[in-house]
Amino acid sequence: MLKYAVGIGVVLAGAAGCRPAPAERLPELVWGEQGIHAGQLQKPRAIALDARDQLYLVDMLARIQVYDLDGRYLRGWRTPASVNGRPCGLSVARNGDVLVADTHYFRVLRYRPDGVLREEATLGGTSGTGPGQFGFVTDAVEDSQGNVYVGEYGANDRIQKFSPQGEFLLQWGAHGEAPGQFRRPQNLVIDREDRIWVADACNHRIQIFLADGRLAACWGGEGCEAGRFYYPYDLALDGEGHVFVCEYGNHRVQKLTCDGVPLASWGREGRGPGELHNPWGLARDRRGRLHVVDSSNHRVQRVSF
């Protein structure tokens, strides 16, 4: 079921401190309904957008479902196994393949856009702390050279880098709170300079790394004030000097400069349009619109700010 709403304003970050802000900007579009049938959603957990403006969503039924930008269902498939747990990360590679962080099976699955699994391109599959082994995989992204970076948490809390052929190249990070360490690196994004942006969820911050693993920046911190975070689960870059951060715990999306200066925020806890309940992810389309995975409301909201 689709519902439409028209925005009428924007919440300036910091204007309301830690108090719930009024939903001053309504979403352009709200779509999705809870269910197990094709096109319905059951706690969607990650989102990715391809070059054809198709949205890929993974939910708690281990389904990857594909929609157009207005929420119309196109196709879908399931991961090979889900008894141990469901995937929590998605991205699209340069050739259009879909990378799925198959979290509880310690691997990254690679699908063609039509849902055909490329078994020969699977990364990992073995639990462990050695090179090429994984803990709980959170996300995988590809840089401009075809190298793949994989985030994981649990025993490892690190990022591993692999060549286009799947060969282990290097790793960095460890469990901890110091700069360069992680407590659940939930989402990864590659910018135009092949730097790796990490939503370091349980440290409530953003970290940025060079392609060789050297730390370039670290900012944020726990809180609900502007510029601080409470379980940042996803982020998106606009290529114009801004980053959007989706906060699972604060039920909002913040817009900041790439140096971490807060500019605006959107959302508050709730069930109505413009309200969020444990949002897991977001994707930005070529028109600058954000598609926000409103997980515990079993839907997606589209907004511009």
C-alpha atoms as a PDB file:
ATOM      1  CA  MET A   1       0.000   0.000   0.000  1.00  0.00           C
ATOM      2  CA  LEU A   2       1.331   3.445  -0.954  1.00  0.00           C
ATOM      3  CA  LYS A   3       0.691   6.638   0.966  1.00  0.00           C
ATOM      4  CA  TYR A   4       1.762  10.097  -0.115  1.00  0.00           C
ATOM      5  CA  ALA A   5       2.543  13.189   1.947  1.00  0.00           C
ATOM      6  CA  VAL A   6       3.963  16.639   1.204  1.00  0.00           C
ATOM      7  CA  GLY A   7       6.801  18.131   3.260  1.00  0.00           C
ATOM      8  CA  ILE A   8       6.389  21.577   4.788  1.00  0.00           C
ATOM      9  CA  GLY A   9       9.664  22.379   6.532  1.00  0.00           C
ATOM     10  CA  VAL A  10      12.849  21.092   8.119  1.00  0.00           C
ATOM     11  CA  VAL A  11      14.119  20.574  11.649  1.00  0.00           C
ATOM     12  CA  LEU A  12      17.376  22.405  12.304  1.00  0.00           C
ATOM     13  CA  ALA A  13      19.805  20.124  14.079  1.00  0.00           C
ATOM     14  CA  GLY A  14      20.191  21.046  17.713  1.00  0.00           C
ATOM     15  CA  ALA A  15      17.012  23.106  17.888  1.00  0.00           C
ATOM     16  CA  ALA A  16      15.310  20.598  20.179  1.00  0.00           C
ATOM     17  CA  GLY A  17      18.315  19.171  22.041  1.00  0.00           C
ATOM     18  CA  CYS A  18      17.454  15.697  23.309  1.00  0.00           C
ATOM     19  CA  ARG A  19      13.724  16.272  23.339  1.00  0.00           C
ATOM     20  CA  PRO A  20      11.601  14.782  20.541  1.00  0.00           C
ATOM     21  CA  ALA A  21      11.279  17.309  17.745  1.00  0.00           C
ATOM     22  CA  PRO A  22       7.995  17.875  15.937  1.00  0.00           C
ATOM     23  CA  ALA A  23       7.692  16.134  12.585  1.00  0.00           C
ATOM     24  CA  GLU A  24       7.953  19.398  10.650  1.00  0.00           C
ATOM     25  CA  ARG A  25       8.926  17.778   7.376  1.00  0.00           C
ATOM     26  CA  LEU A  26       6.595  15.078   6.193  1.00  0.00           C
ATOM     27  CA  PRO A  27       7.972  12.511   3.757  1.00  0.00           C
ATOM     28  CA  GLU A  28       7.290  12.717   0.049  1.00  0.00           C
ATOM     29  CA  LEU A  29       6.309   9.051   0.036  1.00  0.00           C
ATOM     30  CA  VAL A  30       5.701   6.246   2.521  1.00  0.00           C
ATOM     31  CA  TRP A  31       5.422   2.714   1.235  1.00  0.00           C
ATOM     32  CA  GLY A  32       5.463  -0.875   2.447  1.00  0.00           C
ATOM     33  CA  GLU A  33       3.368  -3.067   4.688  1.00  0.00           C
ATOM     34  CA  GLN A  34       4.187  -5.889   7.049  1.00  0.00           C
ATOM     35  CA  GLY A  35       3.819  -9.378   5.681  1.00  0.00           C
ATOM     36  CA  ILE A  36       5.410 -12.484   4.239  1.00  0.00           C
ATOM     37  CA  HIS A  37       4.133 -12.249   0.672  1.00  0.00           C
ATOM     38  CA  ALA A  38       6.147 -10.916  -2.267  1.00  0.00           C
ATOM     39  CA  GLY A  39       6.528  -7.164  -1.998  1.00  0.00           C
ATOM     40  CA  GLN A  40       5.613  -7.044   1.686  1.00  0.00           C
ATOM     41  CA  LEU A  41       8.256  -6.400   4.332  1.00  0.00           C
ATOM     42  CA  GLN A  42       9.242  -7.964   7.636  1.00  0.00           C
ATOM     43  CA  LYS A  43      11.661  -5.673   9.473  1.00  0.00           C
ATOM     44  CA  PRO A  44      13.791  -4.595   6.501  1.00  0.00           C
ATOM     45  CA  ARG A  45      17.416  -4.248   7.555  1.00  0.00           C
ATOM     46  CA  ALA A  46      19.466  -2.857   4.670  1.00  0.00           C
ATOM     47  CA  ILE A  47      19.015  -1.036   1.374  1.00  0.00           C
ATOM     48  CA  ALA A  48      21.053  -0.447  -1.778  1.00  0.00           C
ATOM     49  CA  LEU A  49      20.427   1.425  -5.007  1.00  0.00           C
ATOM     50  CA  ASP A  50      21.742   0.395  -8.429  1.00  0.00           C
ATOM     51  CA  ALA A  51      22.553   2.397 -11.566  1.00  0.00           C
ATOM     52  CA  ARG A  52      19.057   1.748 -12.933  1.00  0.00           C
ATOM     53  CA  ASP A  53      17.438   3.361  -9.893  1.00  0.00           C
ATOM     54  CA  GLN A  54      16.217   0.065  -8.508  1.00  0.00           C
ATOM     55  CA  LEU A  55      16.079  -0.367  -4.745  1.00  0.00           C
ATOM     56  CA  TYR A  56      17.240  -3.619  -3.136  1.00  0.00           C
ATOM     57  CA  LEU A  57      15.994  -4.425   0.362  1.00  0.00           C
ATOM     58  CA  VAL A  58      16.840  -7.322   2.658  1.00  0.00           C
ATOM     59  CA  ASP A  59      14.489  -8.193   5.502  1.00  0.00           C
ATOM     60  CA  MET A  60      14.201 -10.572   8.468  1.00  0.00           C
ATOM     61  CA  LEU A  61      12.889 -13.339   6.228  1.00  0.00           C
ATOM     62  CA  ALA A  62      16.280 -13.432   4.442  1.00  0.00           C
ATOM     63  CA  ARG A  63      14.678 -12.051   1.286  1.00  0.00           C
ATOM     64  CA  ILE A  64      16.305  -9.666  -1.135  1.00  0.00           C
ATOM     65  CA  GLN A  65      13.428  -7.830  -2.796  1.00  0.00           C
ATOM     66  CA  VAL A  66      13.734  -5.280  -5.585  1.00  0.00           C
ATOM     67  CA  TYR A  67      11.504  -2.225  -6.053  1.00  0.00           C
ATOM     68  CA  ASP A  68      11.349   0.863  -8.203  1.00  0.00           C
ATOM     69  CA  LEU A  69      11.815   4.268  -6.575  1.00  0.00           C
ATOM     70  CA  ASP A  70       8.091   4.531  -5.853  1.00  0.00           C
ATOM     71  CA  GLY A  71       7.945   1.236  -3.987  1.00  0.00           C
ATOM     72  CA  ARG A  72       6.522  -0.967  -6.725  1.00  0.00           C
ATOM     73  CA  TYR A  73       7.721  -4.560  -6.359  1.00  0.00           C
ATOM     74  CA  LEU A  74       9.776  -5.902  -9.267  1.00  0.00           C
ATOM     75  CA  ARG A  75      11.321  -9.242  -8.225  1.00  0.00           C
ATOM     76  CA  GLY A  76      12.951 -11.044  -5.323  1.00  0.00           C
ATOM     77  CA  TRP A  77      14.821 -14.074  -3.998  1.00  0.00           C
ATOM     78  CA  ARG A  78      16.065 -15.630  -0.749  1.00  0.00           C
ATOM     79  CA  THR A  79      19.521 -16.404   0.544  1.00  0.00           C
ATOM     80  CA  PRO A  80      20.507 -20.103   0.578  1.00  0.00           C
ATOM     81  CA  ALA A  81      20.102 -20.535   4.353  1.00  0.00           C
ATOM     82  CA  SER A  82      18.686 -18.470   7.211  1.00  0.00           C
ATOM     83  CA  VAL A  83      18.195 -20.758  10.234  1.00  0.00           C
ATOM     84  CA  ASN A  84      21.252 -19.262  11.971  1.00  0.00           C
ATOM     85  CA  GLY A  85      20.272 -15.662  11.206  1.00  0.00           C
ATOM     86  CA  ARG A  86      19.565 -13.162   8.460  1.00  0.00           C
ATOM     87  CA  PRO A  87      21.734 -10.836   6.378  1.00  0.00           C
ATOM     88  CA  CYS A  88      22.180  -7.259   7.581  1.00  0.00           C
ATOM     89  CA  GLY A  89      24.129  -5.549   4.768  1.00  0.00           C
ATOM     90  CA  LEU A  90      23.683  -4.811   1.064  1.00  0.00           C
ATOM     91  CA  SER A  91      25.626  -2.936  -1.596  1.00  0.00           C
ATOM     92  CA  VAL A  92      25.873  -2.844  -5.387  1.00  0.00           C
ATOM     93  CA  ALA A  93      29.180  -3.480  -7.148  1.00  0.00           C
ATOM     94  CA  ARG A  94      30.420  -1.567 -10.185  1.00  0.00           C
ATOM     95  CA  ASN A  95      29.188  -4.257 -12.592  1.00  0.00           C
ATOM     96  CA  GLY A  96      25.721  -4.307 -10.999  1.00  0.00           C
ATOM     97  CA  ASP A  97      26.246  -7.398  -8.847  1.00  0.00           C
ATOM     98  CA  VAL A  98      24.571  -7.304  -5.440  1.00  0.00           C
ATOM     99  CA  LEU A  99      26.826  -7.945  -2.431  1.00  0.00           C
ATOM    100  CA  VAL A 100      24.979  -9.461   0.535  1.00  0.00           C
ATOM    101  CA  ALA A 101      26.514  -9.569   4.007  1.00  0.00           C
ATOM    102  CA  ASP A 102      25.278 -13.018   5.065  1.00  0.00           C
ATOM    103  CA  THR A 103      25.963 -12.164   8.670  1.00  0.00           C
ATOM    104  CA  HIS A 104      25.473 -15.403  10.567  1.00  0.00           C
ATOM    105  CA  TYR A 105      27.019 -17.580   7.880  1.00  0.00           C
ATOM    106  CA  PHE A 106      30.338 -15.688   7.989  1.00  0.00           C
ATOM    107  CA  ARG A 107      30.389 -14.822   4.299  1.00  0.00           C
ATOM    108  CA  VAL A 108      29.633 -12.343   1.544  1.00  0.00           C
ATOM    109  CA  LEU A 109      27.308 -13.600  -1.175  1.00  0.00           C
ATOM    110  CA  ARG A 110      27.457 -12.131  -4.675  1.00  0.00           C
ATOM    111  CA  TYR A 111      24.345 -12.139  -6.868  1.00  0.00           C
ATOM    112  CA  ARG A 112      23.598 -11.005 -10.371  1.00  0.00           C
ATOM    113  CA  PRO A 113      20.828  -8.384 -10.471  1.00  0.00           C
ATOM    114  CA  ASP A 114      18.336 -11.082 -11.488  1.00  0.00           C
ATOM    115  CA  GLY A 115      19.012 -13.021  -8.290  1.00  0.00           C
ATOM    116  CA  VAL A 116      21.336 -15.707  -9.653  1.00  0.00           C
ATOM    117  CA  LEU A 117      23.971 -16.539  -7.037  1.00  0.00           C
ATOM    118  CA  ARG A 118      27.561 -16.400  -8.261  1.00  0.00           C
ATOM    119  CA  GLU A 119      28.826 -19.159  -6.002  1.00  0.00           C
ATOM    120  CA  GLU A 120      32.408 -18.922  -7.276  1.00  0.00           C
ATOM    121  CA  ALA A 121      32.578 -15.305  -6.069  1.00  0.00           C
ATOM    122  CA  THR A 122      31.501 -15.982  -2.474  1.00  0.00           C
ATOM    123  CA  LEU A 123      33.900 -14.544   0.106  1.00  0.00           C
ATOM    124  CA  GLY A 124      34.466 -16.419   3.349  1.00  0.00           C
ATOM    125  CA  GLY A 125      32.140 -19.021   4.788  1.00  0.00           C
ATOM    126  CA  THR A 126      34.344 -20.040   7.725  1.00  0.00           C
ATOM    127  CA  SER A 127      34.076 -18.591  11.214  1.00  0.00           C
ATOM    128  CA  GLY A 128      37.399 -17.475  12.630  1.00  0.00           C
ATOM    129  CA  THR A 129      39.908 -14.700  13.203  1.00  0.00           C
ATOM    130  CA  GLY A 130      42.398 -15.528  10.465  1.00  0.00           C
ATOM    131  CA  PRO A 131      42.744 -13.779   7.090  1.00  0.00           C
ATOM    132  CA  GLY A 132      39.708 -14.549   4.943  1.00  0.00           C
ATOM    133  CA  GLN A 133      37.751 -15.918   7.892  1.00  0.00           C
ATOM    134  CA  PHE A 134      34.935 -13.881   9.409  1.00  0.00           C
ATOM    135  CA  GLY A 135      32.942 -13.206  12.527  1.00  0.00           C
ATOM    136  CA  PHE A 136      29.488 -11.746  12.029  1.00  0.00           C
ATOM    137  CA  VAL A 137      29.662  -9.936   8.678  1.00  0.00           C
ATOM    138  CA  THR A 138      27.959  -6.528   8.633  1.00  0.00           C
ATOM    139  CA  ASP A 139      28.636  -5.043   5.206  1.00  0.00           C
ATOM    140  CA  ALA A 140      30.763  -5.308   2.062  1.00  0.00           C
ATOM    141  CA  VAL A 141      31.587  -2.566  -0.435  1.00  0.00           C
ATOM    142  CA  GLU A 142      33.678  -2.298  -3.592  1.00  0.00           C
ATOM    143  CA  ASP A 143      36.099   0.528  -4.439  1.00  0.00           C
ATOM    144  CA  SER A 144      36.944   2.022  -7.850  1.00  0.00           C
ATOM    145  CA  GLN A 145      39.615  -0.642  -8.435  1.00  0.00           C
ATOM    146  CA  GLY A 146      37.315  -3.559  -7.669  1.00  0.00           C
ATOM    147  CA  ASN A 147      38.769  -4.259  -4.217  1.00  0.00           C
ATOM    148  CA  VAL A 148      36.202  -5.381  -1.646  1.00  0.00           C
ATOM    149  CA  TYR A 149      36.136  -4.264   2.003  1.00  0.00           C
ATOM    150  CA  VAL A 150      34.239  -6.378   4.530  1.00  0.00           C
ATOM    151  CA  GLY A 151      33.181  -5.279   8.000  1.00  0.00           C
ATOM    152  CA  GLU A 152      32.587  -7.730  10.839  1.00  0.00           C
ATOM    153  CA  TYR A 153      31.850  -7.739  14.554  1.00  0.00           C
ATOM    154  CA  GLY A 154      31.855 -10.199  17.416  1.00  0.00           C
ATOM    155  CA  ALA A 155      35.197 -11.936  17.841  1.00  0.00           C
ATOM    156  CA  ASN A 156      36.962  -9.627  15.391  1.00  0.00           C
ATOM    157  CA  ASP A 157      35.503  -6.104  15.046  1.00  0.00           C
ATOM    158  CA  ARG A 158      37.664  -5.330  12.042  1.00  0.00           C
ATOM    159  CA  ILE A 159      37.690  -4.608   8.312  1.00  0.00           C
ATOM    160  CA  GLN A 160      39.320  -6.908   5.779  1.00  0.00           C
ATOM    161  CA  LYS A 161      40.317  -5.915   2.249  1.00  0.00           C
ATOM    162  CA  PHE A 162      40.273  -8.330  -0.707  1.00  0.00           C
ATOM    163  CA  SER A 163      41.466  -8.017  -4.291  1.00  0.00           C
ATOM    164  CA  PRO A 164      39.024  -8.198  -7.239  1.00  0.00           C
ATOM    165  CA  GLN A 165      39.962 -11.894  -7.433  1.00  0.00           C
ATOM    166  CA  GLY A 166      39.024 -12.445  -3.784  1.00  0.00           C
ATOM    167  CA  GLU A 167      42.563 -12.640  -2.419  1.00  0.00           C
ATOM    168  CA  PHE A 168      43.151 -11.325   1.099  1.00  0.00           C
ATOM    169  CA  LEU A 169      45.188  -8.098   1.049  1.00  0.00           C
ATOM    170  CA  LEU A 170      45.119  -6.580   4.534  1.00  0.00           C
ATOM    171  CA  GLN A 171      43.063  -5.957   7.647  1.00  0.00           C
ATOM    172  CA  TRP A 172      42.747  -3.347  10.357  1.00  0.00           C
ATOM    173  CA  GLY A 173      40.863  -2.686  13.552  1.00  0.00           C
ATOM    174  CA  ALA A 174      40.164  -4.511  16.798  1.00  0.00           C
ATOM    175  CA  HIS A 175      37.479  -4.539  19.450  1.00  0.00           C
ATOM    176  CA  GLY A 176      37.692  -1.335  21.456  1.00  0.00           C
ATOM    177  CA  GLU A 177      36.912   2.346  21.796  1.00  0.00           C
ATOM    178  CA  ALA A 178      40.208   3.935  20.739  1.00  0.00           C
ATOM    179  CA  PRO A 179      40.383   5.644  17.320  1.00  0.00           C
ATOM    180  CA  GLY A 180      40.829   2.962  14.687  1.00  0.00           C
ATOM    181  CA  GLN A 181      39.113   0.324  16.810  1.00  0.00           C
ATOM    182  CA  PHE A 182      35.471  -0.743  16.466  1.00  0.00           C
ATOM    183  CA  ARG A 183      32.442  -1.901  18.330  1.00  0.00           C
ATOM    184  CA  ARG A 184      30.274  -3.235  15.510  1.00  0.00           C
ATOM    185  CA  PRO A 185      31.282  -1.503  12.275  1.00  0.00           C
ATOM    186  CA  GLN A 186      27.755  -1.746  10.932  1.00  0.00           C
ATOM    187  CA  ASN A 187      27.958  -0.002   7.565  1.00  0.00           C
ATOM    188  CA  LEU A 188      30.684   0.898   5.070  1.00  0.00           C
ATOM    189  CA  VAL A 189      30.654   3.478   2.260  1.00  0.00           C
ATOM    190  CA  ILE A 190      33.351   4.284  -0.300  1.00  0.00           C
ATOM    191  CA  ASP A 191      33.773   7.905  -1.403  1.00  0.00           C
ATOM    192  CA  ARG A 192      35.213   9.284  -4.648  1.00  0.00           C
ATOM    193  CA  GLU A 193      38.741   9.175  -3.220  1.00  0.00           C
ATOM    194  CA  ASP A 194      38.363   5.503  -2.264  1.00  0.00           C
ATOM    195  CA  ARG A 195      38.271   6.350   1.410  1.00  0.00           C
ATOM    196  CA  ILE A 196      36.245   3.981   3.587  1.00  0.00           C
ATOM    197  CA  TRP A 197      33.584   5.553   5.796  1.00  0.00           C
ATOM    198  CA  VAL A 198      32.471   3.395   8.713  1.00  0.00           C
ATOM    199  CA  ALA A 199      29.365   3.691  10.877  1.00  0.00           C
ATOM    200  CA  ASP A 200      30.987   2.475  14.115  1.00  0.00           C
ATOM    201  CA  ALA A 201      27.622   1.703  15.659  1.00  0.00           C
ATOM    202  CA  CYS A 202      28.273   0.785  19.279  1.00  0.00           C
ATOM    203  CA  ASN A 203      30.945   3.470  19.618  1.00  0.00           C
ATOM    204  CA  HIS A 204      28.340   5.954  18.356  1.00  0.00           C
ATOM    205  CA  ARG A 205      30.669   7.596  15.860  1.00  0.00           C
ATOM    206  CA  ILE A 206      31.880   7.819  12.269  1.00  0.00           C
ATOM    207  CA  GLN A 207      35.404   6.798  11.275  1.00  0.00           C
ATOM    208  CA  ILE A 208      37.095   7.405   7.924  1.00  0.00           C
ATOM    209  CA  PHE A 209      40.052   5.413   6.614  1.00  0.00           C
ATOM    210  CA  LEU A 210      42.421   5.492   3.675  1.00  0.00           C
ATOM    211  CA  ALA A 211      42.523   2.464   1.379  1.00  0.00           C
ATOM    212  CA  ASP A 212      45.543   1.098   3.276  1.00  0.00           C
ATOM    213  CA  GLY A 213      43.703   1.178   6.594  1.00  0.00           C
ATOM    214  CA  ARG A 214      45.219   4.361   8.007  1.00  0.00           C
ATOM    215  CA  LEU A 215      42.785   6.441  10.025  1.00  0.00           C
ATOM    216  CA  ALA A 216      41.883   9.765   8.388  1.00  0.00           C
ATOM    217  CA  ALA A 217      39.157  11.056  10.736  1.00  0.00           C
ATOM    218  CA  CYS A 218      37.051  10.058  13.713  1.00  0.00           C
ATOM    219  CA  TRP A 219      34.118  12.090  15.016  1.00  0.00           C
ATOM    220  CA  GLY A 220      30.778  11.849  16.780  1.00  0.00           C
ATOM    221  CA  GLY A 221      30.117  10.327  20.175  1.00  0.00           C
ATOM    222  CA  GLU A 222      27.156   9.045  22.151  1.00  0.00           C
ATOM    223  CA  GLY A 223      24.221  11.397  22.623  1.00  0.00           C
ATOM    224  CA  CYS A 224      21.057  12.771  21.132  1.00  0.00           C
ATOM    225  CA  GLU A 225      22.292  16.315  20.596  1.00  0.00           C
ATOM    226  CA  ALA A 226      23.061  17.554  17.093  1.00  0.00           C
ATOM    227  CA  GLY A 227      26.287  16.031  15.814  1.00  0.00           C
ATOM    228  CA  ARG A 228      26.193  13.149  18.255  1.00  0.00           C
ATOM    229  CA  PHE A 229      24.761   9.689  17.651  1.00  0.00           C
ATOM    230  CA  TYR A 230      23.018   6.782  19.289  1.00  0.00           C
ATOM    231  CA  TYR A 231      23.731   3.605  17.315  1.00  0.00           C
ATOM    232  CA  PRO A 232      24.444   4.987  13.842  1.00  0.00           C
ATOM    233  CA  TYR A 233      23.613   2.054  11.565  1.00  0.00           C
ATOM    234  CA  ASP A 234      24.042   3.503   8.095  1.00  0.00           C
ATOM    235  CA  LEU A 235      25.353   6.500   6.196  1.00  0.00           C
ATOM    236  CA  ALA A 236      25.221   7.980   2.704  1.00  0.00           C
ATOM    237  CA  LEU A 237      27.337  10.597   0.936  1.00  0.00           C
ATOM    238  CA  ASP A 238      25.991  13.125  -1.556  1.00  0.00           C
ATOM    239  CA  GLY A 239      29.329  13.944  -3.237  1.00  0.00           C
ATOM    240  CA  GLU A 240      28.743  17.615  -2.413  1.00  0.00           C
ATOM    241  CA  GLY A 241      30.390  17.756   0.993  1.00  0.00           C
ATOM    242  CA  HIS A 242      27.588  16.234   3.056  1.00  0.00           C
ATOM    243  CA  VAL A 243      26.967  12.950   4.825  1.00  0.00           C
ATOM    244  CA  PHE A 244      23.618  11.592   6.012  1.00  0.00           C
ATOM    245  CA  VAL A 245      23.651   9.322   9.069  1.00  0.00           C
ATOM    246  CA  CYS A 246      20.803   7.001  10.041  1.00  0.00           C
ATOM    247  CA  GLU A 247      20.522   6.423  13.788  1.00  0.00           C
ATOM    248  CA  TYR A 248      18.852   3.236  14.987  1.00  0.00           C
ATOM    249  CA  GLY A 249      18.697   4.439  18.583  1.00  0.00           C
ATOM    250  CA  ASN A 250      17.742   8.087  18.077  1.00  0.00           C
ATOM    251  CA  HIS A 251      15.103   7.278  15.418  1.00  0.00           C
ATOM    252  CA  ARG A 252      16.331   9.976  13.061  1.00  0.00           C
ATOM    253  CA  VAL A 253      18.557  10.907  10.123  1.00  0.00           C
ATOM    254  CA  GLN A 254      21.138  13.668  10.497  1.00  0.00           C
ATOM    255  CA  LYS A 255      22.733  15.718   7.737  1.00  0.00           C
ATOM    256  CA  LEU A 256      26.296  16.837   8.485  1.00  0.00           C
ATOM    257  CA  THR A 257      29.297  18.219   6.697  1.00  0.00           C
ATOM    258  CA  CYS A 258      32.000  15.681   5.889  1.00  0.00           C
ATOM    259  CA  ASP A 259      33.892  17.058   8.911  1.00  0.00           C
ATOM    260  CA  GLY A 260      31.009  16.184  11.223  1.00  0.00           C
ATOM    261  CA  VAL A 261      29.410  19.621  11.604  1.00  0.00           C
ATOM    262  CA  PRO A 262      25.641  19.123  12.043  1.00  0.00           C
ATOM    263  CA  LEU A 263      23.333  20.921   9.623  1.00  0.00           C
ATOM    264  CA  ALA A 264      19.855  19.417   9.924  1.00  0.00           C
ATOM    265  CA  SER A 265      17.953  16.369  11.121  1.00  0.00           C
ATOM    266  CA  TRP A 266      14.764  14.582  10.238  1.00  0.00           C
ATOM    267  CA  GLY A 267      12.544  12.151  12.094  1.00  0.00           C
ATOM    268  CA  ARG A 268      11.561  11.271  15.626  1.00  0.00           C
ATOM    269  CA  GLU A 269      10.274   8.123  17.302  1.00  0.00           C
ATOM    270  CA  GLY A 270       6.789   7.103  16.265  1.00  0.00           C
ATOM    271  CA  ARG A 271       4.542   5.377  13.771  1.00  0.00           C
ATOM    272  CA  GLY A 272       3.180   8.224  11.671  1.00  0.00           C
ATOM    273  CA  PRO A 273       4.587   9.747   8.462  1.00  0.00           C
ATOM    274  CA  GLY A 274       7.854  11.524   9.262  1.00  0.00           C
ATOM    275  CA  GLU A 275       8.320   9.366  12.335  1.00  0.00           C
ATOM    276  CA  LEU A 276      10.700   6.404  12.589  1.00  0.00           C
ATOM    277  CA  HIS A 277      11.082   3.313  14.721  1.00  0.00           C
ATOM    278  CA  ASN A 278      14.599   1.824  14.713  1.00  0.00           C
ATOM    279  CA  PRO A 279      15.643   2.847  11.195  1.00  0.00           C
ATOM    280  CA  TRP A 280      18.368   0.528   9.878  1.00  0.00           C
ATOM    281  CA  GLY A 281      19.472   2.071   6.618  1.00  0.00           C
ATOM    282  CA  LEU A 282      19.189   4.679   3.901  1.00  0.00           C
ATOM    283  CA  ALA A 283      20.053   5.200   0.241  1.00  0.00           C
ATOM    284  CA  ARG A 284      20.310   8.419  -1.738  1.00  0.00           C
ATOM    285  CA  ASP A 285      19.101   8.488  -5.343  1.00  0.00           C
ATOM    286  CA  ARG A 286      20.337  10.658  -8.191  1.00  0.00           C
ATOM    287  CA  ARG A 287      17.657  13.256  -7.497  1.00  0.00           C
ATOM    288  CA  GLY A 288      19.009  13.735  -3.986  1.00  0.00           C
ATOM    289  CA  ARG A 289      16.130  11.977  -2.243  1.00  0.00           C
ATOM    290  CA  LEU A 290      16.754   9.735   0.744  1.00  0.00           C
ATOM    291  CA  HIS A 291      15.018   6.365   0.997  1.00  0.00           C
ATOM    292  CA  VAL A 292      14.995   5.502   4.711  1.00  0.00           C
ATOM    293  CA  VAL A 293      14.492   1.932   5.949  1.00  0.00           C
ATOM    294  CA  ASP A 294      11.979   2.380   8.775  1.00  0.00           C
ATOM    295  CA  SER A 295      12.634  -1.128  10.062  1.00  0.00           C
ATOM    296  CA  SER A 296      10.282  -1.692  12.975  1.00  0.00           C
ATOM    297  CA  ASN A 297       7.500   0.068  11.060  1.00  0.00           C
ATOM    298  CA  HIS A 298       8.076  -2.391   8.174  1.00  0.00           C
ATOM    299  CA  ARG A 299       8.265   0.346   5.544  1.00  0.00           C
ATOM    300  CA  VAL A 300      10.364   2.850   3.608  1.00  0.00           C
ATOM    301  CA  GLN A 301      10.022   6.619   3.741  1.00  0.00           C
ATOM    302  CA  ARG A 302      11.325   8.990   1.067  1.00  0.00           C
ATOM    303  CA  VAL A 303      12.408  12.491   2.028  1.00  0.00           C
ATOM    304  CA  SER A 304      14.572  15.360   0.780  1.00  0.00           C
ATOM    305  CA  PHE A 305      16.418  17.764   3.080  1.00  0.00           C
END
